C-alpha atoms as a PDB file:
ATOM      1  CA  MET A   1       0.000   0.000   0.000  1.00  0.00           C
ATOM      2  CA  ILE A   2       1.301   3.481  -0.937  1.00  0.00           C
ATOM      3  CA  PRO A   3       1.261   5.899   2.021  1.00  0.00           C
ATOM      4  CA  THR A   4      -1.303   8.699   1.814  1.00  0.00           C
ATOM      5  CA  TYR A   5       1.285  11.500   1.706  1.00  0.00           C
ATOM      6  CA  PHE A   6       2.970   9.859  -1.336  1.00  0.00           C
ATOM      7  CA  LYS A   7      -0.395   9.717  -3.112  1.00  0.00           C
ATOM      8  CA  ALA A   8      -0.852  13.402  -2.464  1.00  0.00           C
ATOM      9  CA  PHE A   9       2.358  14.269  -4.362  1.00  0.00           C
ATOM     10  CA  GLY A  10       1.830  11.686  -7.062  1.00  0.00           C
ATOM     11  CA  ARG A  11       4.259  11.214  -9.928  1.00  0.00           C
ATOM     12  CA  ARG A  12       5.340  14.833  -9.912  1.00  0.00           C
ATOM     13  CA  PHE A  13       7.100  14.312  -6.595  1.00  0.00           C
ATOM     14  CA  PHE A  14       9.238  11.484  -7.915  1.00  0.00           C
ATOM     15  CA  PHE A  15       9.971  13.407 -11.113  1.00  0.00           C
ATOM     16  CA  VAL A  16      11.201  16.437  -9.186  1.00  0.00           C
ATOM     17  CA  ILE A  17      13.330  14.320  -6.853  1.00  0.00           C
ATOM     18  CA  GLY A  18      14.782  12.348  -9.747  1.00  0.00           C
ATOM     19  CA  PHE A  19      15.562  15.508 -11.721  1.00  0.00           C
ATOM     20  CA  ALA A  20      17.262  17.079  -8.694  1.00  0.00           C
ATOM     21  CA  ILE A  21      19.436  14.014  -8.204  1.00  0.00           C
ATOM     22  CA  LEU A  22      20.374  13.982 -11.895  1.00  0.00           C
ATOM     23  CA  LEU A  23      21.162  17.693 -11.887  1.00  0.00           C
ATOM     24  CA  HIS A  24      23.297  17.354  -8.770  1.00  0.00           C
ATOM     25  CA  SER A  25      25.285  14.461 -10.234  1.00  0.00           C
ATOM     26  CA  ASN A  26      25.868  16.413 -13.452  1.00  0.00           C
ATOM     27  CA  LEU A  27      27.151  19.411 -11.514  1.00  0.00           C
ATOM     28  CA  ILE A  28      29.565  17.217  -9.567  1.00  0.00           C
ATOM     29  CA  PHE A  29      30.764  15.704 -12.845  1.00  0.00           C
ATOM     30  CA  ALA A  30      31.232  19.127 -14.428  1.00  0.00           C
ATOM     31  CA  GLU A  31      33.192  20.487 -11.490  1.00  0.00           C
ATOM     32  CA  ASP A  32      35.586  17.545 -11.612  1.00  0.00           C
ATOM     33  CA  VAL A  33      36.537  18.054 -15.279  1.00  0.00           C
ATOM     34  CA  ASN A  34      40.288  18.502 -15.757  1.00  0.00           C
ATOM     35  CA  PHE A  35      41.456  20.091 -19.021  1.00  0.00           C
ATOM     36  CA  ASP A  36      45.204  19.871 -18.259  1.00  0.00           C
ATOM     37  CA  GLY A  37      47.173  18.317 -21.103  1.00  0.00           C
ATOM     38  CA  ASP A  38      47.929  18.691 -24.804  1.00  0.00           C
ATOM     39  CA  TRP A  39      44.877  18.753 -27.086  1.00  0.00           C
ATOM     40  CA  GLU A  40      45.467  18.211 -30.819  1.00  0.00           C
ATOM     41  CA  GLY A  41      43.139  18.129 -33.795  1.00  0.00           C
ATOM     42  CA  ILE A  42      41.825  19.739 -36.984  1.00  0.00           C
ATOM     43  CA  ILE A  43      39.821  22.958 -37.273  1.00  0.00           C
ATOM     44  CA  VAL A  44      37.372  22.885 -40.196  1.00  0.00           C
ATOM     45  CA  THR A  45      36.529  26.379 -41.460  1.00  0.00           C
ATOM     46  CA  PRO A  46      33.959  26.825 -44.273  1.00  0.00           C
ATOM     47  CA  GLY A  47      35.532  28.229 -47.417  1.00  0.00           C
ATOM     48  CA  ARG A  48      39.107  27.866 -46.082  1.00  0.00           C
ATOM     49  CA  ALA A  49      41.696  25.126 -45.802  1.00  0.00           C
ATOM     50  CA  ASP A  50      41.576  22.937 -42.690  1.00  0.00           C
ATOM     51  CA  SER A  51      44.239  23.747 -40.107  1.00  0.00           C
ATOM     52  CA  GLU A  52      45.955  21.705 -37.412  1.00  0.00           C
ATOM     53  CA  VAL A  53      45.976  23.131 -33.899  1.00  0.00           C
ATOM     54  CA  LYS A  54      47.310  22.194 -30.493  1.00  0.00           C
ATOM     55  CA  ILE A  55      46.106  23.722 -27.231  1.00  0.00           C
ATOM     56  CA  SER A  56      48.299  23.018 -24.197  1.00  0.00           C
ATOM     57  CA  VAL A  57      46.673  23.566 -20.815  1.00  0.00           C
ATOM     58  CA  LYS A  58      48.351  23.402 -17.431  1.00  0.00           C
ATOM     59  CA  GLY A  59      47.460  24.893 -14.054  1.00  0.00           C
ATOM     60  CA  GLY A  60      45.298  27.754 -15.289  1.00  0.00           C
ATOM     61  CA  ALA A  61      47.548  28.692 -18.224  1.00  0.00           C
ATOM     62  CA  PHE A  62      47.385  27.785 -21.901  1.00  0.00           C
ATOM     63  CA  ALA A  63      49.481  27.926 -25.062  1.00  0.00           C
ATOM     64  CA  GLN A  64      48.355  27.737 -28.670  1.00  0.00           C
ATOM     65  CA  TYR A  65      50.406  25.969 -31.342  1.00  0.00           C
ATOM     66  CA  TYR A  66      50.118  25.744 -35.125  1.00  0.00           C
ATOM     67  CA  LYS A  67      52.015  23.527 -37.588  1.00  0.00           C
ATOM     68  CA  ARG A  68      54.629  24.706 -40.064  1.00  0.00           C
ATOM     69  CA  ASN A  69      56.760  22.291 -42.076  1.00  0.00           C
ATOM     70  CA  GLY A  70      55.610  19.410 -39.883  1.00  0.00           C
ATOM     71  CA  GLU A  71      56.656  21.090 -36.613  1.00  0.00           C
ATOM     72  CA  TRP A  72      54.540  22.642 -33.883  1.00  0.00           C
ATOM     73  CA  ASN A  73      55.211  26.353 -33.412  1.00  0.00           C
ATOM     74  CA  ARG A  74      53.914  28.287 -30.450  1.00  0.00           C
ATOM     75  CA  MET A  75      51.638  31.207 -31.194  1.00  0.00           C
ATOM     76  CA  GLN A  76      53.260  34.466 -30.122  1.00  0.00           C
ATOM     77  CA  SER A  77      50.502  36.688 -28.829  1.00  0.00           C
ATOM     78  CA  ARG A  78      49.850  39.179 -26.088  1.00  0.00           C
ATOM     79  CA  ASN A  79      46.954  39.614 -23.683  1.00  0.00           C
ATOM     80  CA  PRO A  80      45.867  35.972 -23.232  1.00  0.00           C
ATOM     81  CA  TYR A  81      42.730  35.074 -21.286  1.00  0.00           C
ATOM     82  CA  TYR A  82      41.570  31.876 -19.568  1.00  0.00           C
ATOM     83  CA  LYS A  83      38.178  31.008 -18.076  1.00  0.00           C
ATOM     84  CA  LYS A  84      36.900  27.588 -16.970  1.00  0.00           C
ATOM     85  CA  PHE A  85      33.281  27.073 -15.965  1.00  0.00           C
ATOM     86  CA  ALA A  86      32.007  23.559 -15.247  1.00  0.00           C
ATOM     87  CA  ASP A  87      32.785  21.466 -18.358  1.00  0.00           C
ATOM     88  CA  ILE A  88      33.620  24.330 -20.737  1.00  0.00           C
ATOM     89  CA  LEU A  89      37.023  26.001 -21.049  1.00  0.00           C
ATOM     90  CA  LEU A  90      37.319  29.357 -22.810  1.00  0.00           C
ATOM     91  CA  VAL A  91      40.819  30.470 -23.792  1.00  0.00           C
ATOM     92  CA  GLY A  92      42.166  32.984 -26.262  1.00  0.00           C
ATOM     93  CA  TRP A  93      44.083  36.181 -26.826  1.00  0.00           C
ATOM     94  CA  ILE A  94      43.563  39.712 -28.080  1.00  0.00           C
ATOM     95  CA  ASN A  95      46.220  41.821 -29.762  1.00  0.00           C
ATOM     96  CA  GLN A  96      46.659  45.026 -31.729  1.00  0.00           C
ATOM     97  CA  SER A  97      49.008  47.128 -33.817  1.00  0.00           C
ATOM     98  CA  ASN A  98      48.568  50.681 -35.001  1.00  0.00           C
ATOM     99  CA  VAL A  99      46.261  49.529 -37.819  1.00  0.00           C
ATOM    100  CA  TRP A 100      44.545  46.328 -36.647  1.00  0.00           C
ATOM    101  CA  THR A 101      42.968  44.685 -33.621  1.00  0.00           C
ATOM    102  CA  GLU A 102      42.454  40.923 -33.437  1.00  0.00           C
ATOM    103  CA  ASN A 103      40.832  38.423 -31.109  1.00  0.00           C
ATOM    104  CA  GLN A 104      41.132  34.635 -31.365  1.00  0.00           C
ATOM    105  CA  MET A 105      38.930  32.543 -29.103  1.00  0.00           C
ATOM    106  CA  PHE A 106      38.861  28.772 -28.471  1.00  0.00           C
ATOM    107  CA  SER A 107      35.903  27.247 -26.653  1.00  0.00           C
ATOM    108  CA  LEU A 108      36.545  23.650 -25.503  1.00  0.00           C
ATOM    109  CA  SER A 109      33.575  21.572 -24.398  1.00  0.00           C
ATOM    110  CA  TYR A 110      34.414  18.383 -22.479  1.00  0.00           C
ATOM    111  CA  MET A 111      33.049  15.217 -24.124  1.00  0.00           C
ATOM    112  CA  ALA A 112      35.240  12.448 -22.654  1.00  0.00           C
ATOM    113  CA  PRO A 113      38.559  12.168 -20.757  1.00  0.00           C
ATOM    114  CA  ASP A 114      40.445  12.143 -24.079  1.00  0.00           C
ATOM    115  CA  ARG A 115      38.163  14.248 -26.285  1.00  0.00           C
ATOM    116  CA  VAL A 116      36.772  17.801 -26.458  1.00  0.00           C
ATOM    117  CA  LYS A 117      34.610  19.674 -28.941  1.00  0.00           C
ATOM    118  CA  LEU A 118      36.276  22.877 -30.172  1.00  0.00           C
ATOM    119  CA  VAL A 119      34.686  26.047 -31.541  1.00  0.00           C
ATOM    120  CA  TRP A 120      37.161  28.646 -32.886  1.00  0.00           C
ATOM    121  CA  THR A 121      36.601  32.288 -33.816  1.00  0.00           C
ATOM    122  CA  ARG A 122      39.001  34.792 -35.342  1.00  0.00           C
ATOM    123  CA  HIS A 123      37.724  38.390 -35.354  1.00  0.00           C
ATOM    124  CA  VAL A 124      39.780  41.198 -36.935  1.00  0.00           C
ATOM    125  CA  THR A 125      39.325  44.960 -37.326  1.00  0.00           C
ATOM    126  CA  ASN A 126      41.533  46.897 -39.755  1.00  0.00           C
ATOM    127  CA  ARG A 127      41.645  50.707 -39.744  1.00  0.00           C
ATOM    128  CA  LYS A 128      43.390  52.831 -42.353  1.00  0.00           C
ATOM    129  CA  GLU A 129      42.832  56.409 -43.495  1.00  0.00           C
ATOM    130  CA  GLY A 130      39.472  56.627 -41.747  1.00  0.00           C
ATOM    131  CA  LYS A 131      38.164  53.377 -43.238  1.00  0.00           C
ATOM    132  CA  VAL A 132      37.186  50.395 -41.096  1.00  0.00           C
ATOM    133  CA  ASP A 133      37.237  46.815 -42.361  1.00  0.00           C
ATOM    134  CA  VAL A 134      35.876  44.103 -40.044  1.00  0.00           C
ATOM    135  CA  TRP A 135      36.014  40.409 -40.848  1.00  0.00           C
ATOM    136  CA  ASN A 136      35.955  37.036 -39.098  1.00  0.00           C
ATOM    137  CA  HIS A 137      36.409  33.313 -39.556  1.00  0.00           C
ATOM    138  CA  ARG A 138      34.718  30.552 -37.574  1.00  0.00           C
ATOM    139  CA  GLY A 139      35.615  26.896 -37.400  1.00  0.00           C
ATOM    140  CA  GLU A 140      35.079  23.789 -35.317  1.00  0.00           C
ATOM    141  CA  GLY A 141      36.421  20.318 -34.748  1.00  0.00           C
ATOM    142  CA  GLU A 142      37.343  17.722 -32.166  1.00  0.00           C
ATOM    143  CA  LEU A 143      40.614  17.643 -30.235  1.00  0.00           C
ATOM    144  CA  VAL A 144      42.208  14.556 -28.681  1.00  0.00           C
ATOM    145  CA  ARG A 145      44.266  14.675 -25.490  1.00  0.00           C
ATOM    146  CA  LYS A 146      47.804  13.419 -26.088  1.00  0.00           C
ATOM    147  CA  GLY A 147      50.017  11.839 -23.444  1.00  0.00           C
ATOM    148  CA  GLY A 148      47.425  11.689 -20.673  1.00  0.00           C
ATOM    149  CA  MET A 149      46.279  14.301 -18.163  1.00  0.00           C
ATOM    150  CA  GLY A 150      48.872  16.756 -16.963  1.00  0.00           C
ATOM    151  CA  ALA A 151      51.261  16.249 -19.868  1.00  0.00           C
ATOM    152  CA  SER A 152      52.256  19.591 -21.338  1.00  0.00           C
ATOM    153  CA  PRO A 153      55.148  21.088 -23.299  1.00  0.00           C
ATOM    154  CA  LEU A 154      54.656  24.514 -21.709  1.00  0.00           C
ATOM    155  CA  GLY A 155      58.237  24.432 -20.552  1.00  0.00           C
ATOM    156  CA  SER A 156      61.447  22.501 -21.163  1.00  0.00           C
ATOM    157  CA  SER A 157      65.073  23.007 -20.239  1.00  0.00           C
ATOM    158  CA  ILE A 158      68.067  24.602 -21.966  1.00  0.00           C
ATOM    159  CA  LEU A 159      70.458  23.793 -19.156  1.00  0.00           C
ATOM    160  CA  GLY A 160      73.676  25.788 -19.071  1.00  0.00           C
ATOM    161  CA  LYS A 161      72.431  28.465 -21.478  1.00  0.00           C
ATOM    162  CA  THR A 162      70.747  31.751 -20.696  1.00  0.00           C
ATOM    163  CA  TYR A 163      69.855  32.446 -24.329  1.00  0.00           C
ATOM    164  CA  GLU A 164      69.844  30.113 -27.308  1.00  0.00           C
ATOM    165  CA  ILE A 165      69.246  30.773 -30.993  1.00  0.00           C
ATOM    166  CA  GLN A 166      68.239  27.287 -32.046  1.00  0.00           C
ATOM    167  CA  ARG A 167      67.634  27.801 -35.748  1.00  0.00           C
ATOM    168  CA  LEU A 168      68.029  30.405 -38.488  1.00  0.00           C
ATOM    169  CA  GLY A 169      66.545  30.142 -41.957  1.00  0.00           C
ATOM    170  CA  THR A 170      64.460  31.998 -44.530  1.00  0.00           C
ATOM    171  CA  ASP A 171      60.760  31.816 -45.278  1.00  0.00           C
ATOM    172  CA  LYS A 172      58.219  33.873 -47.209  1.00  0.00           C
ATOM    173  CA  GLN A 173      55.497  35.469 -45.103  1.00  0.00           C
ATOM    174  CA  ASP A 174      52.829  38.150 -45.318  1.00  0.00           C
ATOM    175  CA  ALA A 175      54.487  40.879 -43.255  1.00  0.00           C
ATOM    176  CA  PHE A 176      53.792  44.410 -42.059  1.00  0.00           C
ATOM    177  CA  VAL A 177      56.649  46.508 -43.477  1.00  0.00           C
ATOM    178  CA  ASP A 178      57.068  50.241 -44.158  1.00  0.00           C
ATOM    179  CA  GLY A 179      53.576  51.054 -42.903  1.00  0.00           C
ATOM    180  CA  GLY A 180      51.661  48.386 -44.840  1.00  0.00           C
ATOM    181  CA  TRP A 181      51.141  44.650 -45.367  1.00  0.00           C
ATOM    182  CA  ARG A 182      53.273  42.986 -48.035  1.00  0.00           C
ATOM    183  CA  ASN A 183      52.456  39.526 -49.397  1.00  0.00           C
ATOM    184  CA  GLY A 184      55.063  36.779 -49.722  1.00  0.00           C
ATOM    185  CA  LEU A 185      57.951  38.845 -48.395  1.00  0.00           C
ATOM    186  CA  GLU A 186      61.270  37.111 -47.734  1.00  0.00           C
ATOM    187  CA  CYS A 187      62.004  36.883 -43.990  1.00  0.00           C
ATOM    188  CA  ILE A 188      64.691  35.599 -41.680  1.00  0.00           C
ATOM    189  CA  GLU A 189      63.052  32.912 -39.526  1.00  0.00           C
ATOM    190  CA  VAL A 190      64.422  32.647 -35.989  1.00  0.00           C
ATOM    191  CA  LYS A 191      63.668  29.912 -33.468  1.00  0.00           C
ATOM    192  CA  PHE A 192      64.916  30.710 -29.968  1.00  0.00           C
ATOM    193  CA  ALA A 193      64.588  29.842 -26.267  1.00  0.00           C
ATOM    194  CA  VAL A 194      65.634  31.387 -22.961  1.00  0.00           C
ATOM    195  CA  ALA A 195      66.492  29.727 -19.640  1.00  0.00           C
ATOM    196  CA  PRO A 196      64.735  32.074 -17.154  1.00  0.00           C
ATOM    197  CA  ASP A 197      61.142  33.279 -17.277  1.00  0.00           C
ATOM    198  CA  MET A 198      61.259  36.900 -18.360  1.00  0.00           C
ATOM    199  CA  LYS A 199      59.362  39.832 -19.856  1.00  0.00           C
ATOM    200  CA  SER A 200      59.909  40.635 -23.508  1.00  0.00           C
ATOM    201  CA  LYS A 201      60.683  44.257 -22.590  1.00  0.00           C
ATOM    202  CA  ASP A 202      63.774  43.021 -20.711  1.00  0.00           C
ATOM    203  CA  MET A 203      65.085  41.063 -23.700  1.00  0.00           C
ATOM    204  CA  MET A 204      66.612  42.229 -26.975  1.00  0.00           C
ATOM    205  CA  LEU A 205      66.105  40.398 -30.248  1.00  0.00           C
ATOM    206  CA  LYS A 206      67.531  42.207 -33.275  1.00  0.00           C
ATOM    207  CA  ALA A 207      68.594  41.534 -36.845  1.00  0.00           C
ATOM    208  CA  TYR A 208      71.364  43.227 -38.824  1.00  0.00           C
ATOM    209  CA  PHE A 209      71.707  42.881 -42.604  1.00  0.00           C
ATOM    210  CA  TYR A 210      74.961  43.221 -44.558  1.00  0.00           C
ATOM    211  CA  ASP A 211      75.857  43.487 -48.235  1.00  0.00           C
ATOM    212  CA  SER A 212      78.459  41.375 -50.080  1.00  0.00           C
ATOM    213  CA  ALA A 213      81.241  43.661 -48.801  1.00  0.00           C
ATOM    214  CA  GLY A 214      80.194  43.121 -45.188  1.00  0.00           C
ATOM    215  CA  GLU A 215      78.766  46.656 -44.814  1.00  0.00           C
ATOM    216  CA  LEU A 216      75.682  47.161 -42.655  1.00  0.00           C
ATOM    217  CA  ILE A 217      72.736  48.185 -44.866  1.00  0.00           C
ATOM    218  CA  TYR A 218      69.634  47.569 -42.713  1.00  0.00           C
ATOM    219  CA  GLU A 219      68.668  46.710 -39.144  1.00  0.00           C
ATOM    220  CA  LEU A 220      65.529  45.759 -37.229  1.00  0.00           C
ATOM    221  CA  ASP A 221      65.255  46.310 -33.468  1.00  0.00           C
ATOM    222  CA  THR A 222      62.279  43.945 -33.117  1.00  0.00           C
ATOM    223  CA  PRO A 223      60.799  41.049 -35.100  1.00  0.00           C
ATOM    224  CA  SER A 224      58.179  41.860 -37.738  1.00  0.00           C
ATOM    225  CA  GLN A 225      54.413  41.439 -37.512  1.00  0.00           C
ATOM    226  CA  ILE A 226      53.383  38.421 -39.573  1.00  0.00           C
ATOM    227  CA  SER A 227      50.024  37.176 -40.862  1.00  0.00           C
ATOM    228  CA  ASP A 228      50.344  33.405 -41.060  1.00  0.00           C
ATOM    229  CA  SER A 229      47.354  31.576 -42.571  1.00  0.00           C
ATOM    230  CA  ASN A 230      44.802  31.361 -39.734  1.00  0.00           C
ATOM    231  CA  GLN A 231      47.248  32.773 -37.189  1.00  0.00           C
ATOM    232  CA  GLU A 232      48.022  36.462 -36.657  1.00  0.00           C
ATOM    233  CA  THR A 233      51.270  36.928 -34.794  1.00  0.00           C
ATOM    234  CA  SER A 234      52.652  39.874 -32.916  1.00  0.00           C
ATOM    235  CA  THR A 235      56.367  40.500 -32.593  1.00  0.00           C
ATOM    236  CA  ILE A 236      57.286  38.840 -29.272  1.00  0.00           C
ATOM    237  CA  PRO A 237      54.852  37.659 -26.565  1.00  0.00           C
ATOM    238  CA  MET A 238      54.739  39.806 -23.441  1.00  0.00           C
ATOM    239  CA  ASN A 239      55.802  36.916 -21.197  1.00  0.00           C
ATOM    240  CA  ILE A 240      58.633  34.582 -22.237  1.00  0.00           C
ATOM    241  CA  ASP A 241      58.487  31.141 -20.596  1.00  0.00           C
ATOM    242  CA  ALA A 242      61.705  29.364 -19.675  1.00  0.00           C
ATOM    243  CA  GLY A 243      62.661  26.594 -22.086  1.00  0.00           C
ATOM    244  CA  GLU A 244      59.795  27.250 -24.484  1.00  0.00           C
ATOM    245  CA  LYS A 245      60.624  27.437 -28.192  1.00  0.00           C
ATOM    246  CA  TYR A 246      59.511  30.611 -29.962  1.00  0.00           C
ATOM    247  CA  THR A 247      59.557  31.420 -33.670  1.00  0.00           C
ATOM    248  CA  VAL A 248      59.734  34.982 -34.995  1.00  0.00           C
ATOM    249  CA  PHE A 249      60.426  36.593 -38.373  1.00  0.00           C
ATOM    250  CA  PHE A 250      62.441  39.575 -39.560  1.00  0.00           C
ATOM    251  CA  ALA A 251      60.930  40.790 -42.835  1.00  0.00           C
ATOM    252  CA  ILE A 252      63.348  42.100 -45.487  1.00  0.00           C
ATOM    253  CA  PRO A 253      61.997  45.003 -47.608  1.00  0.00           C
ATOM    254  CA  THR A 254      62.168  44.364 -51.348  1.00  0.00           C
ATOM    255  CA  ARG A 255      64.654  47.228 -51.831  1.00  0.00           C
ATOM    256  CA  PHE A 256      67.304  45.020 -50.191  1.00  0.00           C
ATOM    257  CA  HIS A 257      66.740  42.118 -52.575  1.00  0.00           C
ATOM    258  CA  ARG A 258      68.537  43.631 -55.553  1.00  0.00           C
ATOM    259  CA  GLY A 259      71.153  46.137 -56.683  1.00  0.00           C
ATOM    260  CA  SER A 260      74.018  47.561 -54.650  1.00  0.00           C
ATOM    261  CA  LYS A 261      72.003  47.270 -51.424  1.00  0.00           C
ATOM    262  CA  LYS A 262      71.211  43.587 -51.852  1.00  0.00           C
ATOM    263  CA  TRP A 263      71.609  41.746 -48.563  1.00  0.00           C
ATOM    264  CA  LYS A 264      74.101  38.889 -48.355  1.00  0.00           C
ATOM    265  CA  ARG A 265      74.272  37.996 -44.626  1.00  0.00           C
ATOM    266  CA  ALA A 266      72.066  38.542 -41.606  1.00  0.00           C
ATOM    267  CA  VAL A 267      73.229  38.559 -37.973  1.00  0.00           C
ATOM    268  CA  VAL A 268      70.586  37.855 -35.343  1.00  0.00           C
ATOM    269  CA  VAL A 269      71.316  39.008 -31.768  1.00  0.00           C
ATOM    270  CA  LEU A 270      69.478  37.663 -28.698  1.00  0.00           C
ATOM    271  CA  GLY A 271      70.114  38.664 -25.082  1.00  0.00           C
ATOM    272  CA  ASP A 272      69.925  41.522 -22.598  1.00  0.00           C
ATOM    273  CA  ARG A 273      72.072  44.456 -21.434  1.00  0.00           C
ATOM    274  CA  GLN A 274      74.602  42.125 -19.789  1.00  0.00           C
ATOM    275  CA  GLN A 275      75.142  39.409 -22.406  1.00  0.00           C
ATOM    276  CA  VAL A 276      74.022  38.316 -25.858  1.00  0.00           C
ATOM    277  CA  VAL A 277      74.374  35.414 -28.264  1.00  0.00           C
ATOM    278  CA  ALA A 278      74.475  35.870 -32.040  1.00  0.00           C
ATOM    279  CA  LYS A 279      74.307  33.769 -35.192  1.00  0.00           C
ATOM    280  CA  VAL A 280      74.843  34.471 -38.875  1.00  0.00           C
ATOM    281  CA  TYR A 281      72.659  33.407 -41.827  1.00  0.00           C
ATOM    282  CA  PRO A 282      73.821  31.980 -44.186  1.00  0.00           C
ATOM    283  CA  LYS A 283      76.320  30.412 -41.820  1.00  0.00           C
ATOM    284  CA  ASP A 284      79.470  32.445 -41.254  1.00  0.00           C
ATOM    285  CA  GLU A 285      81.746  33.668 -38.462  1.00  0.00           C
ATOM    286  CA  VAL A 286      80.126  36.265 -36.194  1.00  0.00           C
ATOM    287  CA  SER A 287      83.530  37.866 -35.646  1.00  0.00           C
ATOM    288  CA  LYS A 288      83.537  39.157 -39.240  1.00  0.00           C
ATOM    289  CA  PHE A 289      80.641  41.529 -38.624  1.00  0.00           C
ATOM    290  CA  SER A 290      80.273  44.741 -36.634  1.00  0.00           C
ATOM    291  CA  PHE A 291      77.149  45.478 -34.585  1.00  0.00           C
ATOM    292  CA  PRO A 292      76.531  47.537 -31.397  1.00  0.00           C
ATOM    293  CA  GLU A 293      76.111  44.557 -29.054  1.00  0.00           C
ATOM    294  CA  LYS A 294      79.275  42.757 -30.132  1.00  0.00           C
ATOM    295  CA  GLY A 295      81.035  43.687 -26.871  1.00  0.00           C
ATOM    296  CA  LEU A 296      78.385  41.748 -24.932  1.00  0.00           C
ATOM    297  CA  LEU A 297      78.805  38.621 -27.041  1.00  0.00           C
ATOM    298  CA  LYS A 298      79.002  35.329 -25.187  1.00  0.00           C
ATOM    299  CA  LEU A 299      81.179  32.721 -26.894  1.00  0.00           C
ATOM    300  CA  ASP A 300      81.982  29.141 -25.833  1.00  0.00           C
ATOM    301  CA  GLY A 301      80.203  29.571 -22.515  1.00  0.00           C
ATOM    302  CA  LYS A 302      82.183  32.723 -21.651  1.00  0.00           C
ATOM    303  CA  LYS A 303      81.361  36.344 -22.112  1.00  0.00           C
END
């Protein structure tokens, strides 16, 4: 026999109780979601080529990576943001120059311990001579967690070295040069790392260009702004993480590609006011070239 007070509530009582229990269990599940790790996958964007992306998450921080020539490269951007609520993680960054403002946002929705649904938005405003051009791209996909929870390449070690230029080469990029964007401009590509965490304002990263006679013809005090497929880069991120690999570009104006001012060698200098390291591209002896920071040069582990 069903007690009288149960009859009074009827089925609605059990429905309400059951719904409350289900809601409570879902909230507990959502609160326990852990996004730490490396998430990799493909972003599908209508009308554009698919792009590979990696989002590394660890302890309330994130890093975005994109692929170039089969290697993951960390996105260099300022003003990152991070917000986790229940089973959704919202990360991204916003950046600007004197002519554009850009926001990229990644919304990760937890589906399983090794899988998230990703929604990506890139929103850009360009301003020039009183005209405003606003455009955006949107994409989505699924990311898979690699290496288990907690794995993350947010930092590695370059033991025994304060600064390290790991690679120099050339590449063609869309770059902001001489007050405007130039398509397919030849650039010096620099991959570097530092041992201590530091602010970009405390670090110098310069490029000097020389002609065939070894005379200085052009110099850049900071890396160039580059538009790379779905990724808009700034010069150097505001915060430099110890051991992390960063890739930047020094764009070479077309006037230095020909004639008497054609560039032959480039010297890239990385360091601070106490010490620097330097490398030449194409490969040559640093000692052959003159540049202001040469007296701070660190060679063979000694200054």
